[in-house]
Every structure is written in structure tokens, then in C-alpha cells.
Amino acid sequence: MTAEASAEVLERTAGRNGELVLRRSGEHHEIVANGVFLMDTRGGASERLLVTAAAGRMPPPGRMLIGGLGVGFSLAAALTTAAVTAVEVVEFEPAVIRWNRGPLAARHGDALADPRVTVHEADVADRLAEAAPASFDAVCLDTDNGPDWLVSPANARLYTDTGLGAAARALSPAGVLAIWCAAPAPALAARLRALFREVETLVVPVERGEPDVVVLAARQR
């Protein structure tokens, strides 16, 4: 029997971009979108690095926006970082928020209940477009798989010049933009160099396949 066949379906629901499934496989939870594996509670090193690397480069005390709640790895890491005093989480799928308040809460110490956290059910591209200038000291995007291999084609706009420009405007002058990618993204780094003086790529090896990547951008032009 395969791991997928042995996984227990805890909930199957209609999401805003199609079907979402929460499964339990052994001691871990998995989220599947439209039949495609999206994320699980195994590992999480690169998702944690996304926020800790940004927090280490932003001016403290800092206001952080996290685009994409996932299984809570990034949020939990942000709350353990002294430089971060307030976190706004933007998540498009209501079921993901609900699962993180329910079955997934034990995975991250019920991070959504922390008084430093606010949650917006919204598209992060829209949230950044409407944000006042200099609203955040760090913007950390863990949205879909990065600009490539998108599960939801609608997320492509976040990684265009317009979407990245909105993220840059939402940052304070010394703020940091961090983007999680499921594979190296040289085209994304090139677009960021048009907006920022410093662009760095951090590579996180994984057990199988291409490494995860965190792209950091700072010092706006």
C-alpha cells in the first residue's frame, strides 16, 4: 500500500481555487489542492529560514507580513524571533486558516492565538497593492511554489514586475523582501535586482529533487 493510499482523509472541502483535502499520514498532516500535493508537516527548514533570514536583516523592532499560512512553520518561526513585534498573516483559503486553528494548531503551539498575530483572509497580491507605503519592515512570501510550478495560475501576478513593485512599496526604506521558491528562480532574482540593490539566494537541500530556495532582497533603489 502506498503512503498516499494509507493516508486518512480528515476533511475534503471546496476551496476558493478548487478542492482542498486535509489528510493524516502517520504522525504528519498533509494538504492536497486539486489532487496535487501542496504541503505537509514534515521538515519545514526552508519555510522557517524564510522568516528568520528576513528578521535577521530587517530593522528591529519590526512589523512582518507573511503571505501564505501553510501549516504554520513560518509563523511559528517569526514568533520566536525577538526582532519581530507584530505579524500579519495573509491567507487566501479559509479552510487553511480553520485547519491551523484546529487539527494543525498543536504543530505550531497555536500560533494564531498569539496577540502579536493578525490574520487576513485575502489574496496577498491584493493586500500588498492596497497597503500604505512603508507598512512593513519585512514581507515574506510563501505563496504557492514561488513563480514557477504554480498550483494556482492566478498567483503568477504576485511575481510580476507589478506584484513585486507593490511588495517593495509596502516595505520601510530598510525593509526586506523574502520569497520562498520550490526550485532555483534566476528570473525572479533578476527582476528583483531592478528594484533592490542587494539580492541574495539561500539554497536549502531537500531529500529528493531540486533544493528549496529563499530569495532575499533589500536596500530599495
N, C-alpha and C. Protein backbone atom coordinates (compact mmCIF):
# COMPACT_ATOMS: atom_id res chain seq x y z
N MET A 1 0.85 -1.20 0.00
CA MET A 1 0.00 0.00 0.00
C MET A 1 0.88 1.25 0.00
N THR A 2 0.59 2.21 -0.85
CA THR A 2 1.38 3.44 -0.91
C THR A 2 1.04 4.34 0.26
N ALA A 3 1.95 5.32 0.52
CA ALA A 3 1.70 6.28 1.60
C ALA A 3 0.44 7.07 1.32
N GLU A 4 0.21 7.39 0.03
CA GLU A 4 -0.98 8.16 -0.32
C GLU A 4 -2.24 7.36 -0.04
N ALA A 5 -2.21 6.06 -0.38
CA ALA A 5 -3.38 5.23 -0.18
C ALA A 5 -3.68 5.03 1.30
N SER A 6 -2.63 5.03 2.14
CA SER A 6 -2.82 4.79 3.57
C SER A 6 -3.17 6.06 4.34
N ALA A 7 -3.08 7.22 3.71
CA ALA A 7 -3.38 8.47 4.39
C ALA A 7 -4.88 8.56 4.70
N GLU A 8 -5.18 9.05 5.88
CA GLU A 8 -6.57 9.22 6.31
C GLU A 8 -7.06 10.62 5.94
N VAL A 9 -8.15 10.70 5.22
CA VAL A 9 -8.73 11.99 4.85
C VAL A 9 -9.51 12.53 6.05
N LEU A 10 -9.07 13.67 6.58
CA LEU A 10 -9.74 14.30 7.70
C LEU A 10 -10.84 15.24 7.24
N GLU A 11 -10.60 15.91 6.12
CA GLU A 11 -11.63 16.80 5.57
C GLU A 11 -11.37 17.02 4.09
N ARG A 12 -12.44 17.06 3.35
CA ARG A 12 -12.41 17.40 1.93
C ARG A 12 -13.38 18.56 1.75
N THR A 13 -12.91 19.67 1.18
CA THR A 13 -13.76 20.85 1.10
C THR A 13 -13.52 21.60 -0.19
N ALA A 14 -14.50 22.41 -0.58
CA ALA A 14 -14.36 23.26 -1.76
C ALA A 14 -13.63 24.53 -1.35
N GLY A 15 -12.43 24.72 -1.88
CA GLY A 15 -11.68 25.94 -1.62
C GLY A 15 -12.00 27.00 -2.65
N ARG A 16 -11.36 28.15 -2.53
CA ARG A 16 -11.63 29.25 -3.46
C ARG A 16 -11.02 29.00 -4.83
N ASN A 17 -10.02 28.13 -4.88
CA ASN A 17 -9.39 27.78 -6.16
C ASN A 17 -9.55 26.30 -6.49
N GLY A 18 -10.54 25.64 -5.90
CA GLY A 18 -10.75 24.23 -6.17
C GLY A 18 -10.78 23.41 -4.90
N GLU A 19 -10.71 22.10 -5.05
CA GLU A 19 -10.83 21.20 -3.90
C GLU A 19 -9.58 21.22 -3.04
N LEU A 20 -9.79 21.24 -1.73
CA LEU A 20 -8.71 21.12 -0.75
C LEU A 20 -8.98 19.91 0.13
N VAL A 21 -7.92 19.17 0.44
CA VAL A 21 -8.04 17.98 1.28
C VAL A 21 -6.99 18.06 2.38
N LEU A 22 -7.43 17.83 3.61
CA LEU A 22 -6.51 17.68 4.74
C LEU A 22 -6.43 16.19 5.07
N ARG A 23 -5.21 15.64 5.06
CA ARG A 23 -5.01 14.22 5.33
C ARG A 23 -4.04 14.05 6.50
N ARG A 24 -4.16 12.88 7.14
CA ARG A 24 -3.18 12.49 8.15
C ARG A 24 -2.48 11.24 7.67
N SER A 25 -1.16 11.28 7.67
CA SER A 25 -0.35 10.14 7.26
C SER A 25 0.63 9.84 8.39
N GLY A 26 0.33 8.81 9.16
CA GLY A 26 1.14 8.55 10.34
C GLY A 26 1.00 9.69 11.33
N GLU A 27 2.13 10.25 11.75
CA GLU A 27 2.09 11.36 12.71
C GLU A 27 2.03 12.72 12.03
N HIS A 28 1.97 12.75 10.72
CA HIS A 28 2.02 14.02 9.99
C HIS A 28 0.69 14.34 9.31
N HIS A 29 0.52 15.62 9.00
CA HIS A 29 -0.62 16.11 8.24
C HIS A 29 -0.16 16.56 6.87
N GLU A 30 -1.06 16.45 5.90
CA GLU A 30 -0.78 16.84 4.51
C GLU A 30 -1.95 17.64 3.97
N ILE A 31 -1.64 18.60 3.10
CA ILE A 31 -2.68 19.36 2.40
C ILE A 31 -2.51 19.13 0.91
N VAL A 32 -3.61 18.77 0.26
CA VAL A 32 -3.63 18.48 -1.17
C VAL A 32 -4.60 19.45 -1.83
N ALA A 33 -4.19 20.06 -2.95
CA ALA A 33 -5.03 21.02 -3.67
C ALA A 33 -5.30 20.49 -5.07
N ASN A 34 -6.58 20.29 -5.38
CA ASN A 34 -6.97 19.80 -6.71
C ASN A 34 -6.21 18.54 -7.11
N GLY A 35 -6.02 17.66 -6.14
CA GLY A 35 -5.35 16.40 -6.40
C GLY A 35 -3.84 16.47 -6.42
N VAL A 36 -3.27 17.66 -6.21
CA VAL A 36 -1.81 17.86 -6.24
C VAL A 36 -1.31 18.10 -4.82
N PHE A 37 -0.33 17.31 -4.39
CA PHE A 37 0.27 17.50 -3.07
C PHE A 37 0.80 18.93 -2.96
N LEU A 38 0.42 19.61 -1.87
CA LEU A 38 0.82 21.00 -1.71
C LEU A 38 1.85 21.18 -0.60
N MET A 39 1.59 20.59 0.57
CA MET A 39 2.49 20.80 1.71
C MET A 39 2.19 19.77 2.78
N ASP A 40 3.13 19.63 3.72
CA ASP A 40 2.88 18.75 4.87
C ASP A 40 3.67 19.24 6.06
N THR A 41 3.56 18.51 7.16
CA THR A 41 4.21 18.94 8.39
C THR A 41 5.58 18.30 8.58
N ARG A 42 6.10 17.64 7.56
CA ARG A 42 7.46 17.11 7.61
C ARG A 42 8.45 18.24 7.28
N GLY A 43 9.60 18.22 7.89
CA GLY A 43 10.63 19.19 7.51
C GLY A 43 10.27 20.60 7.92
N GLY A 44 10.24 21.50 6.95
CA GLY A 44 9.93 22.90 7.22
C GLY A 44 11.14 23.80 7.39
N ALA A 45 12.34 23.29 7.12
CA ALA A 45 13.54 24.09 7.33
C ALA A 45 13.55 25.35 6.47
N SER A 46 13.19 25.22 5.21
CA SER A 46 13.25 26.39 4.32
C SER A 46 12.15 27.39 4.65
N GLU A 47 10.98 26.91 5.09
CA GLU A 47 9.89 27.82 5.47
C GLU A 47 10.27 28.63 6.72
N ARG A 48 10.98 28.00 7.63
CA ARG A 48 11.46 28.73 8.81
C ARG A 48 12.56 29.72 8.43
N LEU A 49 13.45 29.28 7.55
CA LEU A 49 14.53 30.17 7.10
C LEU A 49 13.97 31.41 6.42
N LEU A 50 12.87 31.26 5.72
CA LEU A 50 12.24 32.41 5.04
C LEU A 50 12.08 33.59 5.99
N VAL A 51 11.56 33.33 7.19
CA VAL A 51 11.30 34.43 8.11
C VAL A 51 12.50 34.75 9.00
N THR A 52 13.28 33.76 9.40
CA THR A 52 14.41 34.07 10.26
C THR A 52 15.49 34.84 9.51
N ALA A 53 15.69 34.52 8.23
CA ALA A 53 16.66 35.27 7.44
C ALA A 53 16.19 36.70 7.23
N ALA A 54 14.90 36.89 6.97
CA ALA A 54 14.37 38.24 6.81
C ALA A 54 14.45 39.02 8.12
N ALA A 55 14.09 38.37 9.22
CA ALA A 55 14.12 39.04 10.52
C ALA A 55 15.54 39.46 10.90
N GLY A 56 16.52 38.66 10.51
CA GLY A 56 17.90 38.99 10.82
C GLY A 56 18.44 40.16 10.04
N ARG A 57 17.73 40.56 8.99
CA ARG A 57 18.20 41.66 8.14
C ARG A 57 17.32 42.91 8.24
N MET A 58 16.17 42.80 8.89
CA MET A 58 15.27 43.95 8.94
C MET A 58 15.57 44.81 10.17
N PRO A 59 15.13 46.08 10.15
CA PRO A 59 15.37 46.95 11.31
C PRO A 59 14.44 46.59 12.46
N PRO A 60 14.96 46.26 13.65
CA PRO A 60 14.09 45.96 14.79
C PRO A 60 13.69 47.24 15.52
N PRO A 61 12.56 47.22 16.26
CA PRO A 61 11.55 46.17 16.28
C PRO A 61 10.74 46.21 14.99
N GLY A 62 10.36 45.06 14.49
CA GLY A 62 9.84 45.02 13.14
C GLY A 62 8.42 44.50 13.01
N ARG A 63 7.78 44.98 11.94
CA ARG A 63 6.43 44.53 11.55
C ARG A 63 6.61 43.63 10.33
N MET A 64 6.11 42.43 10.41
CA MET A 64 6.29 41.45 9.34
C MET A 64 4.95 41.04 8.75
N LEU A 65 4.91 40.94 7.43
CA LEU A 65 3.78 40.32 6.73
C LEU A 65 4.23 38.98 6.18
N ILE A 66 3.42 37.95 6.42
CA ILE A 66 3.67 36.62 5.85
C ILE A 66 2.55 36.31 4.88
N GLY A 67 2.90 36.11 3.63
CA GLY A 67 1.91 35.77 2.61
C GLY A 67 1.84 34.28 2.43
N GLY A 68 0.82 33.65 2.99
CA GLY A 68 0.66 32.20 2.93
C GLY A 68 0.88 31.58 4.29
N LEU A 69 -0.18 31.02 4.87
CA LEU A 69 -0.08 30.43 6.21
C LEU A 69 0.49 29.03 6.18
N GLY A 70 0.15 28.26 5.15
CA GLY A 70 0.64 26.89 5.06
C GLY A 70 0.26 26.07 6.27
N VAL A 71 1.21 25.34 6.83
CA VAL A 71 0.97 24.56 8.04
C VAL A 71 1.56 25.26 9.26
N GLY A 72 1.87 26.54 9.14
CA GLY A 72 2.26 27.37 10.28
C GLY A 72 3.74 27.42 10.60
N PHE A 73 4.59 26.77 9.80
CA PHE A 73 6.03 26.77 10.08
C PHE A 73 6.60 28.19 10.12
N SER A 74 6.28 28.99 9.10
CA SER A 74 6.86 30.33 9.00
C SER A 74 6.38 31.22 10.14
N LEU A 75 5.08 31.18 10.42
CA LEU A 75 4.54 32.00 11.50
C LEU A 75 5.17 31.63 12.83
N ALA A 76 5.26 30.35 13.14
CA ALA A 76 5.84 29.94 14.41
C ALA A 76 7.28 30.42 14.54
N ALA A 77 8.03 30.35 13.45
CA ALA A 77 9.42 30.82 13.48
C ALA A 77 9.48 32.33 13.72
N ALA A 78 8.57 33.07 13.10
CA ALA A 78 8.56 34.52 13.29
C ALA A 78 8.34 34.90 14.74
N LEU A 79 7.47 34.16 15.42
CA LEU A 79 7.13 34.49 16.80
C LEU A 79 8.25 34.16 17.78
N THR A 80 9.23 33.38 17.36
CA THR A 80 10.38 33.09 18.23
C THR A 80 11.53 34.06 18.00
N THR A 81 11.34 35.00 17.08
CA THR A 81 12.40 35.94 16.71
C THR A 81 12.18 37.27 17.42
N ALA A 82 13.15 37.70 18.21
CA ALA A 82 13.00 38.90 19.02
C ALA A 82 12.78 40.15 18.18
N ALA A 83 13.30 40.17 16.96
CA ALA A 83 13.18 41.36 16.11
C ALA A 83 11.75 41.60 15.65
N VAL A 84 10.90 40.58 15.69
CA VAL A 84 9.54 40.69 15.18
C VAL A 84 8.58 41.00 16.32
N THR A 85 7.89 42.14 16.22
CA THR A 85 6.95 42.52 17.28
C THR A 85 5.49 42.40 16.85
N ALA A 86 5.24 42.30 15.55
CA ALA A 86 3.87 42.15 15.05
C ALA A 86 3.92 41.40 13.73
N VAL A 87 2.98 40.47 13.55
CA VAL A 87 2.93 39.66 12.33
C VAL A 87 1.53 39.72 11.75
N GLU A 88 1.44 40.06 10.49
CA GLU A 88 0.18 39.96 9.76
C GLU A 88 0.29 38.79 8.79
N VAL A 89 -0.62 37.83 8.93
CA VAL A 89 -0.65 36.67 8.05
C VAL A 89 -1.79 36.87 7.05
N VAL A 90 -1.47 36.72 5.78
CA VAL A 90 -2.48 36.83 4.72
C VAL A 90 -2.62 35.46 4.07
N GLU A 91 -3.81 34.89 4.18
CA GLU A 91 -4.08 33.55 3.64
C GLU A 91 -5.36 33.59 2.81
N PHE A 92 -5.29 33.06 1.61
CA PHE A 92 -6.39 33.11 0.65
C PHE A 92 -7.49 32.10 0.96
N GLU A 93 -7.12 30.95 1.49
CA GLU A 93 -8.07 29.86 1.67
C GLU A 93 -8.59 29.80 3.11
N PRO A 94 -9.89 30.01 3.31
CA PRO A 94 -10.44 29.95 4.67
C PRO A 94 -10.24 28.60 5.34
N ALA A 95 -10.25 27.51 4.58
CA ALA A 95 -10.06 26.19 5.18
C ALA A 95 -8.67 26.07 5.80
N VAL A 96 -7.66 26.65 5.17
CA VAL A 96 -6.30 26.58 5.71
C VAL A 96 -6.23 27.31 7.04
N ILE A 97 -6.89 28.46 7.14
CA ILE A 97 -6.93 29.18 8.41
C ILE A 97 -7.63 28.33 9.47
N ARG A 98 -8.76 27.76 9.11
CA ARG A 98 -9.53 26.94 10.05
C ARG A 98 -8.74 25.72 10.50
N TRP A 99 -8.05 25.06 9.59
CA TRP A 99 -7.26 23.88 9.96
C TRP A 99 -6.11 24.26 10.89
N ASN A 100 -5.53 25.44 10.69
CA ASN A 100 -4.44 25.87 11.57
C ASN A 100 -4.94 26.27 12.95
N ARG A 101 -6.22 26.55 13.07
CA ARG A 101 -6.80 26.80 14.39
C ARG A 101 -7.33 25.51 15.02
N GLY A 102 -7.38 24.44 14.22
CA GLY A 102 -7.90 23.17 14.69
C GLY A 102 -6.84 22.09 14.68
N PRO A 103 -6.91 21.14 13.73
CA PRO A 103 -6.00 19.98 13.75
C PRO A 103 -4.52 20.32 13.69
N LEU A 104 -4.16 21.44 13.05
CA LEU A 104 -2.74 21.79 12.90
C LEU A 104 -2.20 22.65 14.03
N ALA A 105 -3.07 23.12 14.93
CA ALA A 105 -2.63 24.07 15.96
C ALA A 105 -1.52 23.50 16.84
N ALA A 106 -1.60 22.22 17.14
CA ALA A 106 -0.58 21.61 18.00
C ALA A 106 0.79 21.59 17.33
N ARG A 107 0.82 21.70 16.01
CA ARG A 107 2.09 21.67 15.28
C ARG A 107 2.92 22.93 15.52
N HIS A 108 2.24 24.03 15.81
CA HIS A 108 2.95 25.31 15.96
C HIS A 108 2.60 26.04 17.25
N GLY A 109 2.12 25.30 18.24
CA GLY A 109 1.83 25.93 19.52
C GLY A 109 0.69 26.92 19.46
N ASP A 110 -0.28 26.67 18.58
CA ASP A 110 -1.44 27.54 18.41
C ASP A 110 -1.00 28.98 18.15
N ALA A 111 -0.11 29.13 17.18
CA ALA A 111 0.49 30.44 16.90
C ALA A 111 -0.54 31.50 16.52
N LEU A 112 -1.65 31.10 15.92
CA LEU A 112 -2.65 32.09 15.51
C LEU A 112 -3.31 32.77 16.71
N ALA A 113 -3.20 32.17 17.89
CA ALA A 113 -3.79 32.77 19.09
C ALA A 113 -2.86 33.79 19.74
N ASP A 114 -1.64 33.90 19.26
CA ASP A 114 -0.69 34.85 19.84
C ASP A 114 -1.19 36.28 19.61
N PRO A 115 -1.18 37.14 20.64
CA PRO A 115 -1.70 38.50 20.48
C PRO A 115 -0.92 39.37 19.49
N ARG A 116 0.27 38.96 19.12
CA ARG A 116 1.04 39.71 18.13
C ARG A 116 0.59 39.44 16.70
N VAL A 117 -0.31 38.47 16.53
CA VAL A 117 -0.69 38.00 15.19
C VAL A 117 -2.06 38.51 14.80
N THR A 118 -2.16 39.01 13.56
CA THR A 118 -3.45 39.28 12.94
C THR A 118 -3.52 38.45 11.66
N VAL A 119 -4.73 38.00 11.32
CA VAL A 119 -4.93 37.15 10.16
C VAL A 119 -5.93 37.82 9.22
N HIS A 120 -5.56 37.92 7.95
CA HIS A 120 -6.45 38.43 6.92
C HIS A 120 -6.73 37.33 5.92
N GLU A 121 -7.99 37.05 5.69
CA GLU A 121 -8.38 36.12 4.63
C GLU A 121 -8.47 36.92 3.34
N ALA A 122 -7.43 36.86 2.53
CA ALA A 122 -7.34 37.70 1.34
C ALA A 122 -6.27 37.16 0.41
N ASP A 123 -6.25 37.69 -0.80
CA ASP A 123 -5.17 37.42 -1.75
C ASP A 123 -4.02 38.36 -1.39
N VAL A 124 -2.84 37.81 -1.17
CA VAL A 124 -1.73 38.64 -0.71
C VAL A 124 -1.34 39.68 -1.76
N ALA A 125 -1.54 39.39 -3.04
CA ALA A 125 -1.25 40.40 -4.07
C ALA A 125 -2.15 41.61 -3.90
N ASP A 126 -3.43 41.38 -3.58
CA ASP A 126 -4.35 42.48 -3.34
C ASP A 126 -3.96 43.24 -2.07
N ARG A 127 -3.60 42.51 -1.03
CA ARG A 127 -3.24 43.14 0.24
C ARG A 127 -2.02 44.05 0.06
N LEU A 128 -1.03 43.60 -0.67
CA LEU A 128 0.16 44.42 -0.89
C LEU A 128 -0.15 45.63 -1.76
N ALA A 129 -1.02 45.45 -2.74
CA ALA A 129 -1.37 46.56 -3.63
C ALA A 129 -2.08 47.68 -2.88
N GLU A 130 -2.85 47.32 -1.86
CA GLU A 130 -3.61 48.33 -1.13
C GLU A 130 -2.89 48.85 0.12
N ALA A 131 -1.77 48.25 0.47
CA ALA A 131 -1.05 48.63 1.69
C ALA A 131 -0.48 50.04 1.56
N ALA A 132 -0.50 50.77 2.65
CA ALA A 132 0.13 52.08 2.67
C ALA A 132 1.64 51.91 2.54
N PRO A 133 2.33 52.89 1.95
CA PRO A 133 3.80 52.78 1.84
C PRO A 133 4.44 52.59 3.21
N ALA A 134 5.49 51.79 3.25
CA ALA A 134 6.27 51.55 4.47
C ALA A 134 5.45 50.93 5.59
N SER A 135 4.49 50.08 5.24
CA SER A 135 3.65 49.43 6.25
C SER A 135 4.40 48.34 7.02
N PHE A 136 5.41 47.74 6.39
CA PHE A 136 6.07 46.57 6.98
C PHE A 136 7.60 46.71 6.89
N ASP A 137 8.27 46.06 7.83
CA ASP A 137 9.73 46.01 7.81
C ASP A 137 10.24 44.74 7.13
N ALA A 138 9.36 43.76 6.98
CA ALA A 138 9.69 42.54 6.23
C ALA A 138 8.41 42.00 5.60
N VAL A 139 8.52 41.60 4.35
CA VAL A 139 7.43 40.91 3.65
C VAL A 139 7.99 39.55 3.25
N CYS A 140 7.37 38.49 3.74
CA CYS A 140 7.82 37.12 3.50
C CYS A 140 6.74 36.38 2.73
N LEU A 141 7.04 35.98 1.52
CA LEU A 141 6.05 35.36 0.65
C LEU A 141 6.31 33.86 0.53
N ASP A 142 5.41 33.09 1.12
CA ASP A 142 5.41 31.63 0.97
C ASP A 142 4.10 31.29 0.27
N THR A 143 4.01 31.73 -0.97
CA THR A 143 2.76 31.69 -1.73
C THR A 143 2.91 30.77 -2.92
N ASP A 144 2.14 29.70 -2.94
CA ASP A 144 2.22 28.69 -3.99
C ASP A 144 3.63 28.09 -3.96
N ASN A 145 4.24 27.88 -5.10
CA ASN A 145 5.60 27.31 -5.16
C ASN A 145 6.64 28.34 -5.56
N GLY A 146 6.34 29.63 -5.36
CA GLY A 146 7.18 30.66 -5.95
C GLY A 146 6.68 30.93 -7.36
N PRO A 147 7.46 31.59 -8.19
CA PRO A 147 6.98 31.99 -9.52
C PRO A 147 6.84 30.85 -10.51
N ASP A 148 7.46 29.72 -10.25
CA ASP A 148 7.44 28.59 -11.19
C ASP A 148 6.66 27.42 -10.58
N TRP A 149 6.16 26.53 -11.44
CA TRP A 149 5.42 25.34 -11.00
C TRP A 149 4.23 25.73 -10.13
N LEU A 150 3.48 26.71 -10.57
CA LEU A 150 2.35 27.20 -9.80
C LEU A 150 1.22 26.17 -9.74
N VAL A 151 0.66 25.99 -8.55
CA VAL A 151 -0.55 25.19 -8.41
C VAL A 151 -1.76 25.99 -8.86
N SER A 152 -1.76 27.29 -8.55
CA SER A 152 -2.83 28.19 -8.97
C SER A 152 -2.26 29.25 -9.92
N PRO A 153 -2.61 29.21 -11.21
CA PRO A 153 -2.07 30.18 -12.17
C PRO A 153 -2.33 31.63 -11.77
N ALA A 154 -3.39 31.88 -11.00
CA ALA A 154 -3.71 33.25 -10.59
C ALA A 154 -2.60 33.86 -9.74
N ASN A 155 -1.78 33.03 -9.11
CA ASN A 155 -0.70 33.55 -8.26
C ASN A 155 0.46 34.12 -9.06
N ALA A 156 0.47 33.92 -10.36
CA ALA A 156 1.57 34.43 -11.18
C ALA A 156 1.72 35.94 -11.06
N ARG A 157 0.62 36.65 -10.87
CA ARG A 157 0.69 38.12 -10.83
C ARG A 157 1.50 38.64 -9.65
N LEU A 158 1.60 37.84 -8.59
CA LEU A 158 2.38 38.26 -7.44
C LEU A 158 3.85 38.42 -7.78
N TYR A 159 4.31 37.65 -8.77
CA TYR A 159 5.74 37.60 -9.10
C TYR A 159 6.08 38.40 -10.36
N THR A 160 5.12 39.17 -10.87
CA THR A 160 5.39 40.07 -11.99
C THR A 160 6.06 41.34 -11.48
N ASP A 161 6.49 42.19 -12.40
CA ASP A 161 7.07 43.47 -12.00
C ASP A 161 6.08 44.28 -11.17
N THR A 162 4.80 44.22 -11.55
CA THR A 162 3.77 44.96 -10.81
C THR A 162 3.62 44.42 -9.40
N GLY A 163 3.53 43.10 -9.27
CA GLY A 163 3.36 42.50 -7.96
C GLY A 163 4.56 42.71 -7.05
N LEU A 164 5.75 42.56 -7.59
CA LEU A 164 6.96 42.78 -6.80
C LEU A 164 7.12 44.25 -6.44
N GLY A 165 6.70 45.12 -7.35
CA GLY A 165 6.75 46.55 -7.06
C GLY A 165 5.84 46.92 -5.91
N ALA A 166 4.66 46.30 -5.85
CA ALA A 166 3.74 46.55 -4.74
C ALA A 166 4.36 46.09 -3.42
N ALA A 167 5.02 44.94 -3.44
CA ALA A 167 5.69 44.46 -2.23
C ALA A 167 6.79 45.42 -1.79
N ALA A 168 7.55 45.93 -2.75
CA ALA A 168 8.62 46.88 -2.42
C ALA A 168 8.06 48.16 -1.81
N ARG A 169 6.96 48.67 -2.36
CA ARG A 169 6.36 49.90 -1.83
C ARG A 169 5.82 49.71 -0.42
N ALA A 170 5.38 48.50 -0.11
CA ALA A 170 4.84 48.24 1.23
C ALA A 170 5.92 48.15 2.29
N LEU A 171 7.19 48.10 1.88
CA LEU A 171 8.30 47.97 2.81
C LEU A 171 8.80 49.33 3.29
N SER A 172 9.28 49.37 4.52
CA SER A 172 10.00 50.53 5.01
C SER A 172 11.31 50.66 4.23
N PRO A 173 11.97 51.83 4.26
CA PRO A 173 13.19 52.02 3.46
C PRO A 173 14.27 50.97 3.71
N ALA A 174 14.38 50.49 4.94
CA ALA A 174 15.38 49.46 5.26
C ALA A 174 14.78 48.07 5.31
N GLY A 175 13.57 47.93 4.78
CA GLY A 175 12.86 46.66 4.87
C GLY A 175 13.41 45.59 3.94
N VAL A 176 12.97 44.35 4.18
CA VAL A 176 13.47 43.17 3.46
C VAL A 176 12.30 42.41 2.85
N LEU A 177 12.47 42.00 1.60
CA LEU A 177 11.52 41.11 0.93
C LEU A 177 12.14 39.72 0.85
N ALA A 178 11.42 38.71 1.30
CA ALA A 178 11.90 37.32 1.24
C ALA A 178 10.86 36.47 0.52
N ILE A 179 11.31 35.63 -0.40
CA ILE A 179 10.39 34.83 -1.22
C ILE A 179 10.84 33.38 -1.19
N TRP A 180 9.92 32.48 -0.83
CA TRP A 180 10.19 31.04 -0.85
C TRP A 180 9.90 30.48 -2.23
N CYS A 181 10.78 29.64 -2.73
CA CYS A 181 10.61 29.01 -4.04
C CYS A 181 10.91 27.52 -3.93
N ALA A 182 10.17 26.72 -4.69
CA ALA A 182 10.36 25.27 -4.66
C ALA A 182 11.54 24.82 -5.51
N ALA A 183 12.18 25.75 -6.19
CA ALA A 183 13.34 25.44 -7.04
C ALA A 183 14.07 26.75 -7.30
N PRO A 184 15.34 26.70 -7.72
CA PRO A 184 16.05 27.93 -8.06
C PRO A 184 15.27 28.78 -9.05
N ALA A 185 15.31 30.10 -8.84
CA ALA A 185 14.49 31.02 -9.65
C ALA A 185 15.33 32.19 -10.12
N PRO A 186 16.24 31.98 -11.07
CA PRO A 186 17.12 33.06 -11.53
C PRO A 186 16.36 34.22 -12.16
N ALA A 187 15.26 33.95 -12.84
CA ALA A 187 14.49 35.04 -13.46
C ALA A 187 13.88 35.94 -12.40
N LEU A 188 13.42 35.36 -11.30
CA LEU A 188 12.90 36.15 -10.20
C LEU A 188 13.99 37.03 -9.61
N ALA A 189 15.16 36.47 -9.37
CA ALA A 189 16.27 37.26 -8.82
C ALA A 189 16.62 38.42 -9.74
N ALA A 190 16.56 38.20 -11.04
CA ALA A 190 16.86 39.28 -11.99
C ALA A 190 15.83 40.39 -11.89
N ARG A 191 14.55 40.04 -11.76
CA ARG A 191 13.51 41.07 -11.63
C ARG A 191 13.70 41.86 -10.34
N LEU A 192 14.09 41.17 -9.28
CA LEU A 192 14.29 41.86 -8.00
C LEU A 192 15.46 42.83 -8.05
N ARG A 193 16.47 42.53 -8.84
CA ARG A 193 17.63 43.44 -8.93
C ARG A 193 17.26 44.78 -9.56
N ALA A 194 16.16 44.83 -10.27
CA ALA A 194 15.70 46.11 -10.81
C ALA A 194 15.07 46.98 -9.73
N LEU A 195 14.70 46.36 -8.60
CA LEU A 195 14.02 47.08 -7.52
C LEU A 195 14.89 47.26 -6.28
N PHE A 196 15.87 46.37 -6.09
CA PHE A 196 16.68 46.36 -4.87
C PHE A 196 18.17 46.31 -5.23
N ARG A 197 18.98 46.92 -4.36
CA ARG A 197 20.42 46.91 -4.57
C ARG A 197 21.07 45.60 -4.13
N GLU A 198 20.45 44.92 -3.19
CA GLU A 198 21.01 43.67 -2.68
C GLU A 198 20.01 42.54 -2.88
N VAL A 199 20.43 41.49 -3.58
CA VAL A 199 19.61 40.30 -3.79
C VAL A 199 20.48 39.08 -3.51
N GLU A 200 19.99 38.21 -2.66
CA GLU A 200 20.75 37.03 -2.24
C GLU A 200 19.86 35.80 -2.32
N THR A 201 20.43 34.68 -2.75
CA THR A 201 19.69 33.43 -2.84
C THR A 201 20.27 32.43 -1.85
N LEU A 202 19.42 31.92 -0.96
CA LEU A 202 19.81 30.90 0.00
C LEU A 202 19.25 29.56 -0.45
N VAL A 203 20.09 28.55 -0.50
CA VAL A 203 19.69 27.23 -1.01
C VAL A 203 19.57 26.25 0.16
N VAL A 204 18.46 25.54 0.20
CA VAL A 204 18.21 24.56 1.26
C VAL A 204 18.03 23.18 0.62
N PRO A 205 19.02 22.29 0.74
CA PRO A 205 18.88 20.96 0.13
C PRO A 205 17.71 20.19 0.73
N VAL A 206 17.06 19.40 -0.09
CA VAL A 206 15.96 18.54 0.36
C VAL A 206 16.31 17.09 0.02
N GLU A 207 15.55 16.17 0.58
CA GLU A 207 15.88 14.75 0.43
C GLU A 207 15.81 14.29 -1.02
N ARG A 208 14.79 14.77 -1.74
CA ARG A 208 14.62 14.38 -3.14
C ARG A 208 14.34 15.61 -3.98
N GLY A 209 14.82 15.61 -5.21
CA GLY A 209 14.50 16.68 -6.14
C GLY A 209 15.36 17.91 -5.96
N GLU A 210 14.93 18.99 -6.62
CA GLU A 210 15.69 20.24 -6.55
C GLU A 210 15.60 20.85 -5.16
N PRO A 211 16.61 21.63 -4.77
CA PRO A 211 16.58 22.24 -3.44
C PRO A 211 15.52 23.33 -3.35
N ASP A 212 15.03 23.55 -2.13
CA ASP A 212 14.22 24.74 -1.87
C ASP A 212 15.13 25.96 -1.89
N VAL A 213 14.53 27.11 -2.14
CA VAL A 213 15.30 28.34 -2.26
C VAL A 213 14.57 29.46 -1.54
N VAL A 214 15.32 30.31 -0.86
CA VAL A 214 14.79 31.56 -0.31
C VAL A 214 15.56 32.70 -0.97
N VAL A 215 14.83 33.60 -1.62
CA VAL A 215 15.44 34.76 -2.26
C VAL A 215 15.19 35.98 -1.39
N LEU A 216 16.24 36.67 -1.01
CA LEU A 216 16.16 37.86 -0.15
C LEU A 216 16.53 39.10 -0.96
N ALA A 217 15.78 40.17 -0.74
CA ALA A 217 16.05 41.43 -1.43
C ALA A 217 15.96 42.57 -0.42
N ALA A 218 16.93 43.48 -0.48
CA ALA A 218 16.98 44.59 0.47
C ALA A 218 17.61 45.81 -0.20
N ARG A 219 17.48 46.96 0.48
CA ARG A 219 18.02 48.25 0.01
C ARG A 219 17.39 48.62 -1.34
N GLN A 220 16.19 49.15 -1.25
CA GLN A 220 15.46 49.53 -2.46
C GLN A 220 16.20 50.60 -3.25
N ARG A 221 16.04 50.52 -4.55
CA ARG A 221 16.65 51.52 -5.43
C ARG A 221 15.82 52.80 -5.43
